[in-house]
Amino acid sequence: MTIATPRMARVPAAERGITTGDFLVPIRVGERISARVRHAILVVLGALFIAATAYIAIPIPGTPVPVTAQAFGVLAVGGALGLRRGVMAALLYLLIGAVGLPVYAQHAAGLDTFASIEGGRIALAPTGGYLVGFVVAAGLVGRLSELGWDRSVRGSLAAFALGTLVIYLVGVPWLAVSLGVSAREAVDLGLAPFLVGAAITLVVVAGIFPVAWWVIGKRATDR
């Protein structure tokens, strides 16, 4: 399935699939290594960047979901790396935490961050849905960036707004099931306290990419 329709694609066909991440590896280095190695390096760096943003976490009284910078990290990585590499970076981040390294928010780790078995039944953990949503958001934002959405302020805002929405569309229902609360209560616990922060994150990350493309364009004309 593809979403590279004429309306959604905002760059010429020859430029689709190119993201800002393709310019992160210096040309001299890129010429000495294979494309697979270059992609692997970017995926690992993306996962580490998401992990670094997870260490910025502020607990909120009354809700198990803390304020973190993870959404910024996920959106930035997805936008920079594109669909496949963005998803792989997010999955690698989840894998690192799942095997026991404390890279999730508030130094959490392990499979029980997502779910555990209690009394013979699977019990979802409150914040697991947000982590799963990160993967979907990275993929969506990554694909839209490949289509050129991140090259203008308006397109960038739209792409990262959709990515942010996806995180909560997965995280909030998961939270409701894990706590056994109503949809309204889940929104009050898992969405409402984060709207201001999400808006700030959206504006910041959406502003970075058009500027990054402008810098890339300037460098190209200077060669």
N, C-alpha and C. Protein backbone atom coordinates (compact mmCIF):
# COMPACT_ATOMS: atom_id res chain seq x y z
N MET A 1 0.85 -1.20 0.00
CA MET A 1 0.00 0.00 0.00
C MET A 1 0.88 1.25 0.00
N THR A 2 0.50 2.25 -0.73
CA THR A 2 1.28 3.48 -0.79
C THR A 2 0.38 4.68 -0.62
N ILE A 3 0.93 5.72 -0.05
CA ILE A 3 0.16 6.95 0.11
C ILE A 3 0.82 8.07 -0.69
N ALA A 4 1.63 7.70 -1.67
CA ALA A 4 2.32 8.70 -2.48
C ALA A 4 1.42 9.17 -3.61
N THR A 5 0.27 9.74 -3.27
CA THR A 5 -0.64 10.27 -4.26
C THR A 5 -0.19 11.66 -4.66
N PRO A 6 -0.61 12.14 -5.84
CA PRO A 6 -0.20 13.48 -6.27
C PRO A 6 -0.54 14.56 -5.27
N ARG A 7 -1.69 14.45 -4.60
CA ARG A 7 -2.09 15.48 -3.64
C ARG A 7 -1.19 15.48 -2.41
N MET A 8 -0.79 14.28 -1.99
CA MET A 8 -0.01 14.18 -0.76
C MET A 8 1.47 14.44 -0.99
N ALA A 9 1.97 14.09 -2.17
CA ALA A 9 3.38 14.30 -2.46
C ALA A 9 3.62 15.78 -2.74
N ARG A 10 4.58 16.36 -2.03
CA ARG A 10 4.84 17.79 -2.14
C ARG A 10 6.21 18.10 -2.72
N VAL A 11 6.84 17.11 -3.30
CA VAL A 11 8.13 17.29 -3.96
C VAL A 11 8.10 16.52 -5.27
N PRO A 12 9.00 16.86 -6.21
CA PRO A 12 9.07 16.09 -7.46
C PRO A 12 9.35 14.62 -7.19
N ALA A 13 8.94 13.77 -8.11
CA ALA A 13 9.09 12.33 -7.93
C ALA A 13 10.54 11.94 -7.65
N ALA A 14 11.49 12.63 -8.27
CA ALA A 14 12.90 12.29 -8.10
C ALA A 14 13.40 12.55 -6.69
N GLU A 15 12.70 13.42 -5.95
CA GLU A 15 13.15 13.78 -4.60
C GLU A 15 12.40 13.05 -3.50
N ARG A 16 11.38 12.29 -3.87
CA ARG A 16 10.61 11.57 -2.85
C ARG A 16 11.46 10.48 -2.22
N GLY A 17 11.35 10.37 -0.92
CA GLY A 17 12.13 9.38 -0.19
C GLY A 17 13.37 9.97 0.44
N ILE A 18 13.75 11.16 0.02
CA ILE A 18 14.92 11.82 0.60
C ILE A 18 14.49 12.61 1.83
N THR A 19 15.17 12.40 2.94
CA THR A 19 14.86 13.12 4.18
C THR A 19 16.11 13.81 4.71
N THR A 20 15.91 14.62 5.71
CA THR A 20 17.06 15.35 6.28
C THR A 20 18.11 14.41 6.84
N GLY A 21 17.69 13.23 7.27
CA GLY A 21 18.65 12.27 7.80
C GLY A 21 19.69 11.84 6.79
N ASP A 22 19.34 11.90 5.51
CA ASP A 22 20.29 11.51 4.47
C ASP A 22 21.47 12.48 4.37
N PHE A 23 21.35 13.62 5.01
CA PHE A 23 22.42 14.61 4.98
C PHE A 23 23.20 14.67 6.30
N LEU A 24 22.84 13.77 7.24
CA LEU A 24 23.50 13.79 8.54
C LEU A 24 24.88 13.14 8.49
N VAL A 25 25.04 12.15 7.63
CA VAL A 25 26.34 11.49 7.51
C VAL A 25 27.20 12.30 6.54
N PRO A 26 28.37 12.75 6.97
CA PRO A 26 29.25 13.53 6.09
C PRO A 26 29.55 12.79 4.79
N ILE A 27 29.65 13.53 3.70
CA ILE A 27 29.86 12.92 2.39
C ILE A 27 31.10 12.04 2.37
N ARG A 28 32.18 12.52 2.97
CA ARG A 28 33.43 11.74 2.97
C ARG A 28 33.26 10.40 3.68
N VAL A 29 32.48 10.42 4.77
CA VAL A 29 32.23 9.17 5.51
C VAL A 29 31.30 8.27 4.71
N GLY A 30 30.24 8.88 4.15
CA GLY A 30 29.26 8.11 3.40
C GLY A 30 29.85 7.41 2.19
N GLU A 31 30.87 8.01 1.58
CA GLU A 31 31.49 7.41 0.41
C GLU A 31 32.33 6.19 0.77
N ARG A 32 32.72 6.06 2.02
CA ARG A 32 33.60 4.97 2.44
C ARG A 32 32.85 3.78 3.02
N ILE A 33 31.56 3.93 3.26
CA ILE A 33 30.78 2.85 3.83
C ILE A 33 29.60 2.52 2.93
N SER A 34 29.06 1.33 3.09
CA SER A 34 27.92 0.93 2.26
C SER A 34 26.64 1.63 2.72
N ALA A 35 25.64 1.60 1.86
CA ALA A 35 24.37 2.22 2.20
C ALA A 35 23.73 1.54 3.42
N ARG A 36 23.87 0.22 3.53
CA ARG A 36 23.29 -0.50 4.66
C ARG A 36 23.93 -0.07 5.97
N VAL A 37 25.23 0.09 5.95
CA VAL A 37 25.92 0.53 7.17
C VAL A 37 25.49 1.94 7.53
N ARG A 38 25.37 2.79 6.54
CA ARG A 38 24.94 4.17 6.79
C ARG A 38 23.54 4.20 7.39
N HIS A 39 22.64 3.39 6.82
CA HIS A 39 21.27 3.33 7.35
C HIS A 39 21.27 2.79 8.78
N ALA A 40 22.09 1.76 9.03
CA ALA A 40 22.17 1.17 10.37
C ALA A 40 22.66 2.18 11.39
N ILE A 41 23.63 2.97 11.00
CA ILE A 41 24.16 4.00 11.91
C ILE A 41 23.07 5.01 12.26
N LEU A 42 22.30 5.41 11.25
CA LEU A 42 21.23 6.39 11.49
C LEU A 42 20.14 5.80 12.38
N VAL A 43 19.81 4.52 12.19
CA VAL A 43 18.79 3.87 13.02
C VAL A 43 19.24 3.82 14.47
N VAL A 44 20.48 3.43 14.69
CA VAL A 44 21.01 3.35 16.06
C VAL A 44 21.03 4.74 16.70
N LEU A 45 21.49 5.74 15.95
CA LEU A 45 21.51 7.11 16.48
C LEU A 45 20.10 7.58 16.79
N GLY A 46 19.13 7.21 15.95
CA GLY A 46 17.75 7.59 16.20
C GLY A 46 17.22 6.98 17.48
N ALA A 47 17.50 5.70 17.70
CA ALA A 47 17.06 5.02 18.91
C ALA A 47 17.68 5.65 20.15
N LEU A 48 18.96 5.97 20.06
CA LEU A 48 19.65 6.59 21.19
C LEU A 48 19.11 7.98 21.47
N PHE A 49 18.72 8.69 20.43
CA PHE A 49 18.16 10.03 20.62
C PHE A 49 16.81 9.95 21.35
N ILE A 50 15.98 9.00 20.94
CA ILE A 50 14.69 8.82 21.63
C ILE A 50 14.93 8.46 23.10
N ALA A 51 15.91 7.58 23.33
CA ALA A 51 16.23 7.19 24.71
C ALA A 51 16.68 8.39 25.52
N ALA A 52 17.46 9.27 24.92
CA ALA A 52 17.93 10.46 25.63
C ALA A 52 16.78 11.38 26.01
N THR A 53 15.79 11.51 25.12
CA THR A 53 14.65 12.39 25.42
C THR A 53 13.77 11.80 26.52
N ALA A 54 13.83 10.47 26.69
CA ALA A 54 13.02 9.83 27.74
C ALA A 54 13.49 10.21 29.14
N TYR A 55 14.74 10.65 29.25
CA TYR A 55 15.27 11.00 30.56
C TYR A 55 14.76 12.36 31.04
N ILE A 56 14.11 13.08 30.14
CA ILE A 56 13.44 14.32 30.55
C ILE A 56 12.01 13.95 30.88
N ALA A 57 11.74 13.68 32.14
CA ALA A 57 10.42 13.21 32.56
C ALA A 57 10.01 13.86 33.87
N ILE A 58 8.79 14.35 33.89
CA ILE A 58 8.25 15.01 35.09
C ILE A 58 6.94 14.31 35.47
N PRO A 59 6.89 13.66 36.63
CA PRO A 59 5.64 13.00 37.05
C PRO A 59 4.55 14.01 37.35
N ILE A 60 3.31 13.63 37.06
CA ILE A 60 2.16 14.48 37.33
C ILE A 60 1.28 13.79 38.37
N PRO A 61 0.97 14.45 39.47
CA PRO A 61 0.11 13.85 40.49
C PRO A 61 -1.25 13.45 39.91
N GLY A 62 -1.70 12.27 40.25
CA GLY A 62 -3.02 11.83 39.83
C GLY A 62 -3.06 11.04 38.55
N THR A 63 -1.94 10.96 37.82
CA THR A 63 -1.92 10.18 36.59
C THR A 63 -0.61 9.40 36.50
N PRO A 64 -0.67 8.17 35.98
CA PRO A 64 0.56 7.38 35.85
C PRO A 64 1.43 7.79 34.66
N VAL A 65 0.93 8.72 33.87
CA VAL A 65 1.65 9.14 32.67
C VAL A 65 2.43 10.42 32.97
N PRO A 66 3.75 10.40 32.86
CA PRO A 66 4.54 11.59 33.13
C PRO A 66 4.66 12.48 31.91
N VAL A 67 5.03 13.71 32.12
CA VAL A 67 5.39 14.61 31.02
C VAL A 67 6.81 14.27 30.60
N THR A 68 7.01 13.98 29.34
CA THR A 68 8.35 13.64 28.86
C THR A 68 8.64 14.37 27.55
N ALA A 69 9.88 14.26 27.11
CA ALA A 69 10.28 14.81 25.81
C ALA A 69 10.30 13.72 24.74
N GLN A 70 9.77 12.56 25.05
CA GLN A 70 9.81 11.43 24.11
C GLN A 70 9.08 11.72 22.81
N ALA A 71 7.94 12.40 22.90
CA ALA A 71 7.20 12.70 21.67
C ALA A 71 8.05 13.53 20.72
N PHE A 72 8.77 14.49 21.29
CA PHE A 72 9.67 15.30 20.46
C PHE A 72 10.71 14.39 19.80
N GLY A 73 11.30 13.49 20.59
CA GLY A 73 12.32 12.60 20.05
C GLY A 73 11.78 11.72 18.94
N VAL A 74 10.61 11.15 19.16
CA VAL A 74 10.02 10.24 18.17
C VAL A 74 9.66 10.98 16.90
N LEU A 75 9.03 12.13 17.01
CA LEU A 75 8.64 12.90 15.84
C LEU A 75 9.86 13.37 15.06
N ALA A 76 10.87 13.82 15.78
CA ALA A 76 12.09 14.30 15.13
C ALA A 76 12.80 13.16 14.41
N VAL A 77 12.89 12.00 15.04
CA VAL A 77 13.55 10.86 14.43
C VAL A 77 12.76 10.37 13.21
N GLY A 78 11.45 10.28 13.35
CA GLY A 78 10.64 9.85 12.21
C GLY A 78 10.78 10.81 11.04
N GLY A 79 10.72 12.11 11.33
CA GLY A 79 10.85 13.11 10.28
C GLY A 79 12.21 13.09 9.62
N ALA A 80 13.24 12.86 10.40
CA ALA A 80 14.60 12.89 9.87
C ALA A 80 14.96 11.62 9.10
N LEU A 81 14.46 10.48 9.54
CA LEU A 81 14.89 9.21 8.96
C LEU A 81 13.93 8.62 7.94
N GLY A 82 12.68 9.05 7.92
CA GLY A 82 11.74 8.48 6.98
C GLY A 82 11.03 7.26 7.54
N LEU A 83 10.19 6.66 6.73
CA LEU A 83 9.31 5.57 7.18
C LEU A 83 10.08 4.37 7.74
N ARG A 84 10.86 3.70 6.92
CA ARG A 84 11.49 2.46 7.36
C ARG A 84 12.50 2.68 8.47
N ARG A 85 13.40 3.63 8.28
CA ARG A 85 14.41 3.85 9.30
C ARG A 85 13.80 4.42 10.57
N GLY A 86 12.76 5.26 10.43
CA GLY A 86 12.10 5.80 11.62
C GLY A 86 11.44 4.72 12.44
N VAL A 87 10.73 3.81 11.76
CA VAL A 87 10.08 2.69 12.46
C VAL A 87 11.13 1.80 13.10
N MET A 88 12.20 1.52 12.38
CA MET A 88 13.25 0.65 12.92
C MET A 88 13.92 1.29 14.14
N ALA A 89 14.13 2.60 14.11
CA ALA A 89 14.73 3.29 15.25
C ALA A 89 13.81 3.22 16.46
N ALA A 90 12.50 3.44 16.24
CA ALA A 90 11.54 3.37 17.35
C ALA A 90 11.44 1.95 17.90
N LEU A 91 11.44 0.96 17.00
CA LEU A 91 11.39 -0.44 17.45
C LEU A 91 12.66 -0.82 18.20
N LEU A 92 13.80 -0.35 17.73
CA LEU A 92 15.05 -0.63 18.42
C LEU A 92 15.03 -0.03 19.81
N TYR A 93 14.49 1.17 19.93
CA TYR A 93 14.35 1.81 21.24
C TYR A 93 13.49 0.96 22.17
N LEU A 94 12.36 0.48 21.66
CA LEU A 94 11.48 -0.37 22.47
C LEU A 94 12.19 -1.67 22.86
N LEU A 95 12.94 -2.23 21.93
CA LEU A 95 13.64 -3.48 22.20
C LEU A 95 14.69 -3.30 23.29
N ILE A 96 15.43 -2.20 23.21
CA ILE A 96 16.46 -1.93 24.22
C ILE A 96 15.85 -1.88 25.61
N GLY A 97 14.70 -1.22 25.72
CA GLY A 97 14.03 -1.14 27.02
C GLY A 97 13.41 -2.46 27.43
N ALA A 98 12.87 -3.19 26.45
CA ALA A 98 12.20 -4.45 26.76
C ALA A 98 13.15 -5.50 27.34
N VAL A 99 14.42 -5.45 26.92
CA VAL A 99 15.38 -6.44 27.41
C VAL A 99 15.95 -6.07 28.77
N GLY A 100 15.56 -4.90 29.28
CA GLY A 100 15.95 -4.57 30.64
C GLY A 100 16.75 -3.31 30.86
N LEU A 101 17.17 -2.65 29.79
CA LEU A 101 17.91 -1.40 29.97
C LEU A 101 16.93 -0.27 30.27
N PRO A 102 17.20 0.55 31.29
CA PRO A 102 16.24 1.58 31.73
C PRO A 102 16.20 2.81 30.83
N VAL A 103 15.69 2.64 29.62
CA VAL A 103 15.66 3.74 28.66
C VAL A 103 14.28 4.35 28.49
N TYR A 104 13.28 3.78 29.16
CA TYR A 104 11.95 4.37 29.10
C TYR A 104 11.85 5.51 30.12
N ALA A 105 10.77 6.25 30.06
CA ALA A 105 10.57 7.37 30.99
C ALA A 105 10.64 6.90 32.43
N GLN A 106 11.22 7.73 33.27
CA GLN A 106 11.38 7.44 34.70
C GLN A 106 12.18 6.17 34.93
N HIS A 107 13.12 5.89 34.02
CA HIS A 107 14.04 4.76 34.14
C HIS A 107 13.33 3.41 34.14
N ALA A 108 12.17 3.36 33.53
CA ALA A 108 11.43 2.09 33.45
C ALA A 108 12.06 1.18 32.40
N ALA A 109 11.83 -0.11 32.54
CA ALA A 109 12.36 -1.09 31.60
C ALA A 109 11.60 -2.39 31.76
N GLY A 110 11.77 -3.28 30.79
CA GLY A 110 11.17 -4.60 30.88
C GLY A 110 9.85 -4.72 30.16
N LEU A 111 9.47 -5.96 29.88
CA LEU A 111 8.21 -6.22 29.18
C LEU A 111 6.99 -5.81 29.99
N ASP A 112 7.14 -5.78 31.33
CA ASP A 112 5.99 -5.39 32.15
C ASP A 112 5.66 -3.91 32.01
N THR A 113 6.48 -3.16 31.29
CA THR A 113 6.13 -1.78 30.95
C THR A 113 4.98 -1.75 29.96
N PHE A 114 4.82 -2.86 29.24
CA PHE A 114 3.72 -2.98 28.28
C PHE A 114 2.57 -3.80 28.85
N ALA A 115 2.88 -4.96 29.38
CA ALA A 115 1.84 -5.84 29.93
C ALA A 115 2.49 -6.89 30.81
N SER A 116 1.68 -7.47 31.67
CA SER A 116 2.13 -8.54 32.55
C SER A 116 0.99 -9.54 32.72
N ILE A 117 1.30 -10.68 33.30
CA ILE A 117 0.28 -11.70 33.53
C ILE A 117 -0.08 -11.70 35.02
N GLU A 118 -1.32 -11.42 35.29
CA GLU A 118 -1.80 -11.36 36.68
C GLU A 118 -3.02 -12.26 36.81
N GLY A 119 -2.91 -13.25 37.68
CA GLY A 119 -4.03 -14.16 37.87
C GLY A 119 -4.41 -14.93 36.62
N GLY A 120 -3.42 -15.22 35.78
CA GLY A 120 -3.69 -15.95 34.56
C GLY A 120 -4.22 -15.09 33.43
N ARG A 121 -4.30 -13.78 33.64
CA ARG A 121 -4.80 -12.87 32.61
C ARG A 121 -3.74 -11.83 32.26
N ILE A 122 -3.82 -11.36 31.03
CA ILE A 122 -2.89 -10.33 30.59
C ILE A 122 -3.38 -8.97 31.09
N ALA A 123 -2.53 -8.28 31.82
CA ALA A 123 -2.86 -6.95 32.34
C ALA A 123 -1.98 -5.92 31.64
N LEU A 124 -2.60 -4.98 30.95
CA LEU A 124 -1.85 -3.94 30.26
C LEU A 124 -1.29 -2.93 31.25
N ALA A 125 -0.08 -2.45 30.97
CA ALA A 125 0.51 -1.39 31.79
C ALA A 125 0.04 -0.04 31.27
N PRO A 126 -0.18 0.94 32.14
CA PRO A 126 -0.78 2.21 31.73
C PRO A 126 -0.08 2.95 30.61
N THR A 127 1.25 2.95 30.60
CA THR A 127 1.97 3.76 29.62
C THR A 127 2.42 2.96 28.39
N GLY A 128 2.12 1.68 28.35
CA GLY A 128 2.58 0.86 27.24
C GLY A 128 2.04 1.30 25.89
N GLY A 129 0.81 1.79 25.88
CA GLY A 129 0.21 2.21 24.62
C GLY A 129 0.92 3.39 23.98
N TYR A 130 1.44 4.28 24.81
CA TYR A 130 2.17 5.43 24.27
C TYR A 130 3.44 4.96 23.58
N LEU A 131 4.10 3.96 24.16
CA LEU A 131 5.32 3.42 23.56
C LEU A 131 5.02 2.77 22.22
N VAL A 132 3.93 2.02 22.16
CA VAL A 132 3.52 1.42 20.89
C VAL A 132 3.16 2.51 19.89
N GLY A 133 2.48 3.53 20.37
CA GLY A 133 2.11 4.65 19.50
C GLY A 133 3.31 5.36 18.91
N PHE A 134 4.43 5.34 19.62
CA PHE A 134 5.64 5.97 19.10
C PHE A 134 6.07 5.34 17.77
N VAL A 135 5.96 4.04 17.67
CA VAL A 135 6.37 3.35 16.45
C VAL A 135 5.48 3.76 15.28
N VAL A 136 4.17 3.78 15.52
CA VAL A 136 3.23 4.17 14.47
C VAL A 136 3.45 5.62 14.06
N ALA A 137 3.65 6.49 15.05
CA ALA A 137 3.86 7.91 14.76
C ALA A 137 5.15 8.13 13.98
N ALA A 138 6.21 7.42 14.34
CA ALA A 138 7.47 7.56 13.62
C ALA A 138 7.31 7.15 12.16
N GLY A 139 6.55 6.09 11.93
CA GLY A 139 6.32 5.64 10.57
C GLY A 139 5.50 6.62 9.76
N LEU A 140 4.43 7.14 10.36
CA LEU A 140 3.56 8.07 9.66
C LEU A 140 4.30 9.36 9.32
N VAL A 141 4.94 9.95 10.32
CA VAL A 141 5.68 11.19 10.10
C VAL A 141 6.82 10.95 9.11
N GLY A 142 7.46 9.80 9.23
CA GLY A 142 8.55 9.48 8.32
C GLY A 142 8.08 9.42 6.87
N ARG A 143 6.95 8.80 6.64
CA ARG A 143 6.43 8.70 5.27
C ARG A 143 6.03 10.07 4.73
N LEU A 144 5.38 10.86 5.55
CA LEU A 144 4.98 12.19 5.10
C LEU A 144 6.21 13.06 4.81
N SER A 145 7.26 12.87 5.58
CA SER A 145 8.50 13.60 5.32
C SER A 145 9.12 13.16 4.00
N GLU A 146 9.04 11.87 3.71
CA GLU A 146 9.54 11.39 2.43
C GLU A 146 8.79 12.01 1.26
N LEU A 147 7.55 12.38 1.50
CA LEU A 147 6.73 13.02 0.47
C LEU A 147 6.91 14.53 0.44
N GLY A 148 7.75 15.04 1.35
CA GLY A 148 8.07 16.46 1.32
C GLY A 148 7.25 17.36 2.23
N TRP A 149 6.43 16.77 3.10
CA TRP A 149 5.59 17.59 3.97
C TRP A 149 6.41 18.45 4.92
N ASP A 150 7.58 17.98 5.29
CA ASP A 150 8.38 18.71 6.29
C ASP A 150 9.20 19.85 5.70
N ARG A 151 9.03 20.13 4.43
CA ARG A 151 9.84 21.17 3.80
C ARG A 151 9.21 22.56 3.88
N SER A 152 7.96 22.62 4.30
CA SER A 152 7.29 23.91 4.52
C SER A 152 6.72 23.92 5.92
N VAL A 153 6.50 25.11 6.45
CA VAL A 153 5.97 25.23 7.81
C VAL A 153 4.58 24.62 7.89
N ARG A 154 3.73 24.92 6.94
CA ARG A 154 2.36 24.40 6.97
C ARG A 154 2.33 22.88 6.87
N GLY A 155 3.08 22.33 5.92
CA GLY A 155 3.13 20.88 5.77
C GLY A 155 3.74 20.20 6.97
N SER A 156 4.77 20.83 7.52
CA SER A 156 5.44 20.28 8.70
C SER A 156 4.48 20.25 9.89
N LEU A 157 3.75 21.31 10.09
CA LEU A 157 2.77 21.35 11.18
C LEU A 157 1.73 20.25 11.01
N ALA A 158 1.25 20.07 9.78
CA ALA A 158 0.23 19.05 9.53
C ALA A 158 0.78 17.64 9.79
N ALA A 159 2.00 17.38 9.29
CA ALA A 159 2.59 16.05 9.45
C ALA A 159 2.82 15.71 10.91
N PHE A 160 3.39 16.65 11.66
CA PHE A 160 3.71 16.36 13.05
C PHE A 160 2.46 16.40 13.94
N ALA A 161 1.45 17.13 13.52
CA ALA A 161 0.18 17.10 14.25
C ALA A 161 -0.46 15.71 14.12
N LEU A 162 -0.40 15.15 12.92
CA LEU A 162 -0.93 13.80 12.71
C LEU A 162 -0.14 12.78 13.52
N GLY A 163 1.18 12.96 13.56
CA GLY A 163 2.01 12.06 14.35
C GLY A 163 1.68 12.12 15.83
N THR A 164 1.48 13.34 16.32
CA THR A 164 1.11 13.53 17.73
C THR A 164 -0.25 12.89 18.01
N LEU A 165 -1.18 13.08 17.10
CA LEU A 165 -2.52 12.51 17.27
C LEU A 165 -2.46 10.99 17.37
N VAL A 166 -1.64 10.38 16.54
CA VAL A 166 -1.52 8.92 16.54
C VAL A 166 -1.05 8.40 17.89
N ILE A 167 -0.09 9.09 18.49
CA ILE A 167 0.43 8.66 19.79
C ILE A 167 -0.69 8.57 20.82
N TYR A 168 -1.55 9.58 20.83
CA TYR A 168 -2.64 9.59 21.81
C TYR A 168 -3.78 8.66 21.42
N LEU A 169 -3.98 8.45 20.11
CA LEU A 169 -5.03 7.53 19.68
C LEU A 169 -4.72 6.10 20.11
N VAL A 170 -3.45 5.78 20.24
CA VAL A 170 -3.06 4.46 20.74
C VAL A 170 -2.93 4.47 22.26
N GLY A 171 -2.31 5.51 22.79
CA GLY A 171 -2.01 5.57 24.22
C GLY A 171 -3.20 5.70 25.13
N VAL A 172 -4.17 6.55 24.77
CA VAL A 172 -5.30 6.82 25.67
C VAL A 172 -6.24 5.61 25.80
N PRO A 173 -6.65 4.96 24.69
CA PRO A 173 -7.49 3.76 24.86
C PRO A 173 -6.77 2.66 25.64
N TRP A 174 -5.47 2.50 25.39
CA TRP A 174 -4.67 1.51 26.14
C TRP A 174 -4.70 1.85 27.62
N LEU A 175 -4.57 3.12 27.95
CA LEU A 175 -4.62 3.57 29.34
C LEU A 175 -5.97 3.25 29.96
N ALA A 176 -7.05 3.48 29.20
CA ALA A 176 -8.39 3.21 29.71
C ALA A 176 -8.57 1.74 30.06
N VAL A 177 -8.08 0.86 29.17
CA VAL A 177 -8.20 -0.58 29.42
C VAL A 177 -7.35 -1.00 30.61
N SER A 178 -6.14 -0.47 30.69
CA SER A 178 -5.23 -0.87 31.76
C SER A 178 -5.74 -0.47 33.14
N LEU A 179 -6.38 0.69 33.23
CA LEU A 179 -6.88 1.18 34.52
C LEU A 179 -8.34 0.82 34.76
N GLY A 180 -9.01 0.34 33.73
CA GLY A 180 -10.42 0.00 33.86
C GLY A 180 -11.29 1.22 34.07
N VAL A 181 -10.97 2.32 33.34
CA VAL A 181 -11.73 3.55 33.50
C VAL A 181 -12.46 3.87 32.20
N SER A 182 -13.35 4.83 32.25
CA SER A 182 -14.11 5.22 31.07
C SER A 182 -13.23 6.02 30.11
N ALA A 183 -13.74 6.19 28.90
CA ALA A 183 -13.01 6.97 27.90
C ALA A 183 -12.80 8.40 28.39
N ARG A 184 -13.80 8.97 29.01
CA ARG A 184 -13.68 10.34 29.52
C ARG A 184 -12.60 10.45 30.59
N GLU A 185 -12.59 9.49 31.49
CA GLU A 185 -11.57 9.50 32.54
C GLU A 185 -10.17 9.29 31.95
N ALA A 186 -10.08 8.44 30.93
CA ALA A 186 -8.78 8.21 30.30
C ALA A 186 -8.27 9.47 29.62
N VAL A 187 -9.17 10.22 29.01
CA VAL A 187 -8.79 11.49 28.39
C VAL A 187 -8.30 12.47 29.45
N ASP A 188 -9.00 12.51 30.58
CA ASP A 188 -8.60 13.40 31.67
C ASP A 188 -7.23 13.03 32.23
N LEU A 189 -6.91 11.73 32.22
CA LEU A 189 -5.65 11.27 32.79
C LEU A 189 -4.50 11.24 31.78
N GLY A 190 -4.84 10.89 30.54
CA GLY A 190 -3.78 10.63 29.57
C GLY A 190 -3.67 11.57 28.41
N LEU A 191 -4.55 12.59 28.37
CA LEU A 191 -4.48 13.55 27.26
C LEU A 191 -4.54 15.00 27.73
N ALA A 192 -5.57 15.31 28.49
CA ALA A 192 -5.79 16.70 28.90
C ALA A 192 -4.57 17.36 29.56
N PRO A 193 -3.85 16.66 30.47
CA PRO A 193 -2.72 17.32 31.13
C PRO A 193 -1.54 17.61 30.19
N PHE A 194 -1.59 17.05 28.99
CA PHE A 194 -0.43 17.15 28.11
C PHE A 194 -0.67 18.00 26.87
N LEU A 195 -1.84 18.61 26.78
CA LEU A 195 -2.18 19.36 25.58
C LEU A 195 -1.25 20.55 25.35
N VAL A 196 -0.96 21.29 26.40
CA VAL A 196 -0.08 22.46 26.25
C VAL A 196 1.32 22.01 25.84
N GLY A 197 1.83 21.01 26.52
CA GLY A 197 3.16 20.50 26.18
C GLY A 197 3.21 19.94 24.77
N ALA A 198 2.14 19.25 24.37
CA ALA A 198 2.09 18.68 23.01
C ALA A 198 2.08 19.79 21.97
N ALA A 199 1.36 20.87 22.26
CA ALA A 199 1.31 22.00 21.33
C ALA A 199 2.69 22.65 21.19
N ILE A 200 3.38 22.81 22.31
CA ILE A 200 4.72 23.39 22.26
C ILE A 200 5.68 22.49 21.48
N THR A 201 5.61 21.19 21.76
CA THR A 201 6.45 20.23 21.05
C THR A 201 6.18 20.29 19.56
N LEU A 202 4.91 20.36 19.20
CA LEU A 202 4.52 20.39 17.79
C LEU A 202 5.11 21.61 17.09
N VAL A 203 4.98 22.77 17.71
CA VAL A 203 5.49 24.00 17.10
C VAL A 203 7.00 23.95 16.94
N VAL A 204 7.68 23.46 17.97
CA VAL A 204 9.14 23.41 17.94
C VAL A 204 9.64 22.46 16.86
N VAL A 205 9.13 21.22 16.88
CA VAL A 205 9.63 20.23 15.93
C VAL A 205 9.21 20.58 14.51
N ALA A 206 8.02 21.17 14.35
CA ALA A 206 7.57 21.55 13.02
C ALA A 206 8.36 22.73 12.47
N GLY A 207 8.93 23.53 13.35
CA GLY A 207 9.74 24.66 12.90
C GLY A 207 11.16 24.27 12.54
N ILE A 208 11.64 23.18 13.12
CA ILE A 208 13.02 22.75 12.90
C ILE A 208 13.25 22.28 11.47
N PHE A 209 12.33 21.52 10.93
CA PHE A 209 12.57 20.86 9.65
C PHE A 209 12.61 21.81 8.45
N PRO A 210 11.69 22.76 8.33
CA PRO A 210 11.83 23.71 7.22
C PRO A 210 13.15 24.48 7.28
N VAL A 211 13.58 24.80 8.49
CA VAL A 211 14.87 25.49 8.64
C VAL A 211 16.01 24.56 8.22
N ALA A 212 15.91 23.29 8.61
CA ALA A 212 16.94 22.32 8.24
C ALA A 212 17.03 22.19 6.72
N TRP A 213 15.89 22.15 6.05
CA TRP A 213 15.91 22.06 4.59
C TRP A 213 16.48 23.32 3.96
N TRP A 214 16.22 24.45 4.57
CA TRP A 214 16.78 25.71 4.06
C TRP A 214 18.31 25.69 4.17
N VAL A 215 18.80 25.18 5.30
CA VAL A 215 20.25 25.08 5.49
C VAL A 215 20.86 24.11 4.48
N ILE A 216 20.17 22.98 4.25
CA ILE A 216 20.66 22.00 3.28
C ILE A 216 20.71 22.62 1.89
N GLY A 217 19.69 23.40 1.55
CA GLY A 217 19.66 24.06 0.26
C GLY A 217 20.78 25.08 0.10
N LYS A 218 21.06 25.81 1.18
CA LYS A 218 22.13 26.79 1.14
C LYS A 218 23.48 26.12 0.95
N ARG A 219 23.68 25.00 1.63
CA ARG A 219 24.95 24.27 1.48
C ARG A 219 25.13 23.77 0.06
N ALA A 220 24.01 23.34 -0.56
CA ALA A 220 24.09 22.83 -1.93
C ALA A 220 24.51 23.93 -2.90
N THR A 221 24.00 25.14 -2.70
CA THR A 221 24.33 26.25 -3.61
C THR A 221 25.73 26.77 -3.35
N ASP A 222 26.28 26.48 -2.18
CA ASP A 222 27.62 26.94 -1.87
C ASP A 222 28.71 26.03 -2.43
N ARG A 223 28.30 24.84 -2.89
CA ARG A 223 29.31 23.90 -3.37
C ARG A 223 29.83 24.32 -4.74
